[in-house]
N, C-alpha and C. Protein backbone atom coordinates (compact mmCIF):
# COMPACT_ATOMS: atom_id res chain seq x y z
N MET A 1 20.49 -32.10 6.20
CA MET A 1 20.72 -31.29 7.47
C MET A 1 20.37 -29.72 6.45
N LEU A 2 21.41 -30.11 5.20
CA LEU A 2 21.55 -28.77 4.48
C LEU A 2 20.21 -28.61 3.99
N ASP A 3 19.10 -29.36 3.73
CA ASP A 3 18.15 -30.08 3.09
C ASP A 3 16.92 -28.81 4.00
N ILE A 4 17.14 -28.88 5.05
CA ILE A 4 16.08 -27.92 5.78
C ILE A 4 16.54 -26.65 5.21
N ILE A 5 18.18 -26.03 5.03
CA ILE A 5 17.60 -24.91 4.91
C ILE A 5 18.04 -24.27 3.82
N THR A 6 17.69 -25.40 2.99
CA THR A 6 17.30 -24.92 1.47
C THR A 6 16.25 -24.76 1.85
N ILE A 7 15.01 -25.53 2.28
CA ILE A 7 13.68 -25.05 2.17
C ILE A 7 13.45 -24.36 2.91
N VAL A 8 13.82 -23.62 3.86
CA VAL A 8 13.34 -22.79 4.92
C VAL A 8 13.97 -21.69 3.58
N ASP A 9 15.23 -20.77 3.47
CA ASP A 9 15.57 -20.37 2.65
C ASP A 9 14.34 -20.36 1.16
N TYR A 10 14.10 -21.17 0.62
CA TYR A 10 13.11 -21.01 -0.70
C TYR A 10 11.97 -20.69 -0.28
N LEU A 11 11.47 -20.97 0.96
CA LEU A 11 10.09 -21.05 1.71
C LEU A 11 10.15 -19.06 2.20
N PHE A 12 11.59 -18.50 2.31
CA PHE A 12 11.57 -16.66 2.91
C PHE A 12 11.08 -15.84 0.79
N GLN A 13 11.83 -17.02 0.10
CA GLN A 13 12.25 -16.38 -1.34
C GLN A 13 10.82 -16.81 -1.68
N ILE A 14 9.99 -17.34 -1.66
CA ILE A 14 8.48 -17.03 -2.28
C ILE A 14 7.61 -16.02 -1.34
N TYR A 15 7.49 -15.90 -0.22
CA TYR A 15 7.01 -15.28 0.64
C TYR A 15 7.87 -13.76 -0.11
N PHE A 16 8.72 -13.22 0.01
CA PHE A 16 9.59 -12.29 -0.34
C PHE A 16 8.78 -11.51 -1.91
N TYR A 17 8.80 -12.95 -3.13
CA TYR A 17 7.85 -12.27 -4.10
C TYR A 17 6.27 -12.16 -4.31
N MET A 18 5.71 -13.10 -3.33
CA MET A 18 4.60 -13.18 -3.41
C MET A 18 3.88 -11.16 -2.70
N ILE A 19 4.86 -11.12 -1.97
CA ILE A 19 4.48 -9.90 -1.31
C ILE A 19 5.16 -8.95 -2.51
N ILE A 20 5.69 -8.61 -3.32
CA ILE A 20 6.44 -8.25 -4.41
C ILE A 20 4.79 -8.35 -5.70
N VAL A 21 4.56 -9.16 -5.70
CA VAL A 21 3.60 -9.60 -6.48
C VAL A 21 2.15 -8.80 -5.91
N TYR A 22 2.00 -8.96 -5.00
CA TYR A 22 0.69 -8.15 -4.16
C TYR A 22 0.52 -7.04 -4.09
N VAL A 23 1.86 -6.76 -3.88
CA VAL A 23 2.57 -4.62 -4.22
C VAL A 23 1.88 -4.44 -5.67
N LEU A 24 2.72 -4.72 -6.67
CA LEU A 24 2.54 -5.04 -7.98
C LEU A 24 0.88 -5.01 -8.17
N MET A 25 0.06 -5.61 -8.11
CA MET A 25 -1.14 -5.95 -7.72
C MET A 25 -2.18 -4.87 -7.23
N SER A 26 -1.76 -4.32 -6.63
CA SER A 26 -2.01 -2.52 -6.05
C SER A 26 -2.55 -1.75 -7.18
N TRP A 27 -1.59 -1.73 -7.98
CA TRP A 27 -1.38 -0.87 -9.10
C TRP A 27 -2.76 -0.77 -10.36
N LEU A 28 -3.40 -2.51 -9.93
CA LEU A 28 -4.55 -2.29 -10.90
C LEU A 28 -5.53 -3.07 -10.02
N PRO A 29 -6.36 -2.52 -9.37
CA PRO A 29 -7.42 -2.39 -8.26
C PRO A 29 -8.19 -4.00 -8.86
N ASN A 30 -8.62 -4.26 -10.13
CA ASN A 30 -9.18 -5.43 -10.35
C ASN A 30 -8.66 -6.66 -10.20
N LEU A 31 -7.37 -6.68 -10.52
CA LEU A 31 -6.52 -7.88 -10.24
C LEU A 31 -6.70 -7.96 -8.35
N ARG A 32 -6.66 -7.49 -7.21
CA ARG A 32 -6.91 -7.65 -6.84
C ARG A 32 -8.02 -7.97 -5.99
N GLU A 33 -9.11 -8.01 -6.71
CA GLU A 33 -10.77 -8.63 -6.80
C GLU A 33 -10.45 -10.11 -7.25
N SER A 34 -9.16 -10.44 -7.87
CA SER A 34 -9.61 -11.33 -8.28
C SER A 34 -8.82 -13.02 -7.24
N PHE A 35 -9.57 -14.00 -7.80
CA PHE A 35 -9.19 -15.20 -6.94
C PHE A 35 -7.53 -14.79 -6.21
N ILE A 36 -6.66 -14.67 -7.45
CA ILE A 36 -5.22 -14.92 -6.80
C ILE A 36 -5.11 -13.99 -5.82
N GLY A 37 -5.50 -12.32 -5.98
CA GLY A 37 -5.80 -11.64 -5.67
C GLY A 37 -5.11 -11.58 -4.16
N GLU A 38 -6.98 -12.02 -3.83
CA GLU A 38 -7.81 -12.56 -2.47
C GLU A 38 -6.75 -12.79 -1.83
N LEU A 39 -6.42 -14.58 -2.51
CA LEU A 39 -5.56 -15.38 -1.70
C LEU A 39 -4.39 -14.76 -1.11
N LEU A 40 -3.90 -14.46 -2.25
CA LEU A 40 -2.70 -13.49 -1.85
C LEU A 40 -2.61 -12.45 -0.55
N GLY A 41 -3.83 -11.44 -1.00
CA GLY A 41 -3.74 -10.60 0.39
C GLY A 41 -4.24 -11.48 2.29
N LYS A 42 -4.68 -13.18 2.03
CA LYS A 42 -4.92 -13.45 3.12
C LYS A 42 -3.74 -13.68 3.23
N LEU A 43 -2.59 -13.69 2.38
CA LEU A 43 -1.48 -14.45 2.73
C LEU A 43 -0.49 -13.31 3.26
N VAL A 44 -0.47 -12.01 2.36
CA VAL A 44 0.94 -11.40 2.97
C VAL A 44 0.02 -10.03 4.18
N GLU A 45 -1.24 -9.63 3.89
CA GLU A 45 -1.47 -8.34 4.94
C GLU A 45 -0.96 -8.90 6.41
N PRO A 46 -1.33 -10.15 6.69
CA PRO A 46 -0.90 -10.05 8.33
C PRO A 46 0.25 -9.35 8.43
N TYR A 47 1.62 -9.95 7.46
CA TYR A 47 2.79 -9.08 8.20
C TYR A 47 2.77 -8.08 7.31
N LEU A 48 1.78 -7.40 6.70
CA LEU A 48 2.19 -6.39 6.18
C LEU A 48 1.37 -5.25 6.92
N SER A 49 0.55 -5.31 7.61
CA SER A 49 -0.76 -4.58 8.34
C SER A 49 -0.46 -3.76 9.57
N PRO A 50 1.04 -4.49 10.58
CA PRO A 50 1.93 -3.66 11.54
C PRO A 50 3.10 -2.77 11.31
N PHE A 51 3.33 -3.21 9.64
CA PHE A 51 4.02 -1.91 9.15
C PHE A 51 3.04 -0.63 8.68
N ARG A 52 1.93 -0.93 8.53
CA ARG A 52 1.27 -0.14 7.63
C ARG A 52 0.57 0.55 8.46
N ARG A 53 0.65 0.12 10.10
CA ARG A 53 -0.06 1.02 11.39
C ARG A 53 1.11 1.62 11.94
N PHE A 54 2.47 1.79 11.94
CA PHE A 54 3.45 2.12 12.24
C PHE A 54 3.97 3.38 11.11
N ILE A 55 3.87 3.40 10.39
CA ILE A 55 4.64 3.54 9.08
C ILE A 55 3.53 4.56 8.07
N PRO A 56 3.24 5.93 7.92
CA PRO A 56 2.17 6.61 7.37
C PRO A 56 2.43 7.14 6.35
N PRO A 57 1.57 6.93 5.32
CA PRO A 57 1.96 7.50 3.60
C PRO A 57 2.21 8.10 3.34
N ILE A 58 3.26 8.18 2.30
CA ILE A 58 4.13 9.93 2.31
C ILE A 58 3.60 10.41 1.54
N ALA A 59 3.16 11.72 1.80
CA ALA A 59 1.94 12.94 1.25
C ALA A 59 1.10 12.22 1.00
N GLY A 60 0.79 11.23 1.37
CA GLY A 60 -0.96 10.64 1.68
C GLY A 60 -1.03 9.53 0.59
N MET A 61 -0.54 9.77 -0.27
CA MET A 61 -0.24 8.74 -1.57
C MET A 61 0.92 7.03 -1.12
N LEU A 62 2.48 7.87 -0.82
CA LEU A 62 2.99 6.52 -1.38
C LEU A 62 3.28 5.77 -0.05
N ASP A 63 2.75 4.65 -0.33
CA ASP A 63 2.86 3.93 1.33
C ASP A 63 3.93 2.96 0.52
N ILE A 64 4.91 3.23 1.88
CA ILE A 64 6.74 2.65 2.12
C ILE A 64 6.69 1.51 3.06
N SER A 65 5.71 1.34 3.49
CA SER A 65 6.23 -0.33 4.21
C SER A 65 5.89 -1.22 4.05
N PRO A 66 5.50 -1.91 2.48
CA PRO A 66 5.53 -2.79 2.46
C PRO A 66 8.04 -2.89 1.58
N ILE A 67 8.48 -2.27 1.60
CA ILE A 67 9.69 -1.72 1.38
C ILE A 67 10.12 -2.12 2.72
N ILE A 68 9.25 -1.19 3.82
CA ILE A 68 10.32 -1.71 5.00
C ILE A 68 10.14 -3.19 5.25
N ALA A 69 8.75 -3.89 5.30
CA ALA A 69 8.48 -5.14 5.55
C ALA A 69 8.91 -5.79 4.71
N LEU A 70 9.62 -5.71 3.18
CA LEU A 70 10.70 -6.68 2.75
C LEU A 70 11.65 -6.77 3.32
N ILE A 71 12.46 -5.44 3.72
CA ILE A 71 13.57 -5.61 4.30
C ILE A 71 14.16 -6.23 5.64
N VAL A 72 12.61 -6.24 6.67
CA VAL A 72 12.46 -6.44 8.05
C VAL A 72 12.47 -8.43 7.34
N LEU A 73 11.84 -8.59 6.45
CA LEU A 73 12.10 -9.95 6.07
C LEU A 73 13.87 -10.72 5.75
N GLN A 74 13.65 -10.06 5.22
CA GLN A 74 15.58 -10.47 4.28
C GLN A 74 16.47 -10.56 5.90
N PHE A 75 16.01 -9.25 6.74
CA PHE A 75 16.88 -9.90 8.12
C PHE A 75 16.18 -10.40 9.26
N ALA A 76 15.57 -11.26 8.91
CA ALA A 76 14.77 -11.99 9.62
C ALA A 76 15.60 -13.75 9.36
N GLU A 77 15.37 -13.98 7.63
CA GLU A 77 15.37 -14.44 6.75
C GLU A 77 16.79 -14.84 7.13
N ARG A 78 17.77 -14.04 7.26
CA ARG A 78 19.15 -14.14 7.50
C ARG A 78 19.58 -14.62 8.68
N GLY A 79 18.65 -14.37 10.22
CA GLY A 79 18.48 -14.46 11.16
C GLY A 79 18.67 -15.73 11.55
N VAL A 80 17.10 -16.75 10.75
CA VAL A 80 16.98 -18.32 10.85
C VAL A 80 17.68 -18.97 10.17
N LEU A 81 18.39 -18.51 9.14
CA LEU A 81 19.44 -19.22 8.42
C LEU A 81 20.36 -19.17 9.26
N ALA A 82 21.00 -18.64 9.65
CA ALA A 82 22.19 -18.48 10.94
C ALA A 82 22.04 -18.76 12.05
N ILE A 83 20.40 -19.14 12.26
CA ILE A 83 20.47 -20.27 13.58
C ILE A 83 20.50 -21.46 13.52
N LEU A 84 20.03 -21.69 12.12
CA LEU A 84 19.48 -23.30 11.58
C LEU A 84 21.01 -23.79 10.98
N MET A 85 22.10 -22.70 10.77
CA MET A 85 23.53 -22.80 10.37
C MET A 85 23.74 -23.62 11.70
N TYR A 86 23.65 -22.89 13.14
CA TYR A 86 24.27 -23.12 13.86
C TYR A 86 23.90 -24.29 14.26
N LEU A 87 22.38 -24.63 14.51
CA LEU A 87 21.97 -25.74 15.14
C LEU A 87 22.70 -26.79 14.60
N LEU A 88 22.44 -27.20 13.40
CA LEU A 88 22.48 -28.25 12.20
C LEU A 88 23.68 -28.66 11.56
N VAL A 89 24.58 -28.23 11.40
CA VAL A 89 25.71 -28.26 11.02
C VAL A 89 27.49 -28.05 12.23
């Protein structure tokens, strides 16, 4: 039972770090054009794009939407883990 909770926790953590790596790759545009950059883009952009639609860049340059997306992801993780603990324990 606890194995499922651990696996879900790891999956959320992996996705969290994938977003961070993808955002850091944006500082070096050539990295986003690599195989890993394109793969991360396909996995991360569907989650980030709704946040980018509703949160405009500050001063036209600073995109804070990934920060908000990471915070929402953390809340979702806690919610899912709480539900799993309630159902499985």
